[in-house]
Amino acid sequence: MSTIAYSQFRRFLQEELSLPQESIAMAERSIQSDKIHLPMILWQYGLVTLEELDKIYDFLEEVV
C-alpha cells in the first residue's frame, strides 16, 4: 500500500470508524513489516466488528 493510500486508510479508521490513535498504533506495532494485514489485526484484537471490517475492505478496494 502506498504511503498516500495508507494515510487515507488511517484517516478513515479514525474519522469513519472512530478508532482511537492508540488502538491503531497498538495494531501497527503487531505488524511492523506488512501494513496490509492491519484490518485483520484490528478485528482480532476486537477493535472493529465484522461489519466495520467489511467497511474497511470496501474502502481499501476503492483506494488501492
Protein backbone atom coordinates (compact mmCIF):
# COMPACT_ATOMS: atom_id res chain seq x y z
CA MET A 1 0.00 0.00 0.00
CA SER A 2 1.44 3.37 -0.94
CA THR A 3 2.18 6.00 1.69
CA ILE A 4 -0.68 8.18 0.43
CA ALA A 5 -3.17 5.30 0.46
CA TYR A 6 -2.04 4.32 3.96
CA SER A 7 -2.55 7.91 5.17
CA GLN A 8 -6.07 7.87 3.75
CA PHE A 9 -6.67 4.48 5.38
CA ARG A 10 -5.58 5.75 8.82
CA ARG A 11 -7.81 8.81 8.42
CA PHE A 12 -10.72 6.50 7.50
CA LEU A 13 -10.12 4.39 10.62
CA GLN A 14 -10.08 7.46 12.84
CA GLU A 15 -12.84 9.51 11.25
CA GLU A 16 -15.28 6.94 9.90
CA LEU A 17 -14.83 4.14 12.45
CA SER A 18 -13.84 6.36 15.39
CA LEU A 19 -10.84 4.21 16.28
CA PRO A 20 -8.53 5.93 18.74
CA GLN A 21 -4.98 6.66 17.59
CA GLU A 22 -3.70 4.46 20.44
CA SER A 23 -5.63 1.44 19.15
CA ILE A 24 -4.31 1.89 15.64
CA ALA A 25 -0.75 2.28 16.95
CA MET A 26 -1.07 -0.89 19.02
CA ALA A 27 -2.20 -2.86 15.98
CA GLU A 28 0.57 -1.33 13.85
CA ARG A 29 3.22 -2.50 16.31
CA SER A 30 1.98 -6.06 15.79
CA ILE A 31 2.58 -5.96 12.05
CA GLN A 32 5.75 -3.91 11.67
CA SER A 33 6.59 -5.11 8.17
CA ASP A 34 3.32 -5.52 6.25
CA LYS A 35 0.60 -2.94 6.88
CA ILE A 36 -1.84 -4.70 4.55
CA HIS A 37 -2.72 -7.05 7.43
CA LEU A 38 -3.78 -4.19 9.72
CA PRO A 39 -7.53 -4.73 9.17
CA MET A 40 -7.30 -8.34 10.33
CA ILE A 41 -5.22 -7.36 13.37
CA LEU A 42 -7.80 -4.72 14.32
CA TRP A 43 -10.52 -7.37 14.09
CA GLN A 44 -8.51 -9.99 16.00
CA TYR A 45 -7.95 -7.52 18.85
CA GLY A 46 -11.67 -6.79 18.94
CA LEU A 47 -11.18 -3.17 17.89
CA VAL A 48 -13.55 -3.44 14.93
CA THR A 49 -16.66 -5.53 14.28
CA LEU A 50 -17.17 -7.73 11.25
CA GLU A 51 -19.40 -5.03 9.77
CA GLU A 52 -16.63 -2.47 10.26
CA LEU A 53 -14.12 -4.91 8.78
CA ASP A 54 -16.31 -5.10 5.67
CA LYS A 55 -16.34 -1.29 5.51
CA ILE A 56 -12.55 -1.26 5.80
CA TYR A 57 -12.14 -3.67 2.90
CA ASP A 58 -14.67 -1.71 0.83
CA PHE A 59 -12.66 1.45 1.49
CA LEU A 60 -9.37 -0.24 0.62
CA GLU A 61 -10.84 -1.62 -2.60
CA GLU A 62 -11.67 1.93 -3.68
CA VAL A 63 -8.32 3.45 -2.68
CA VAL A 64 -5.81 0.79 -3.59
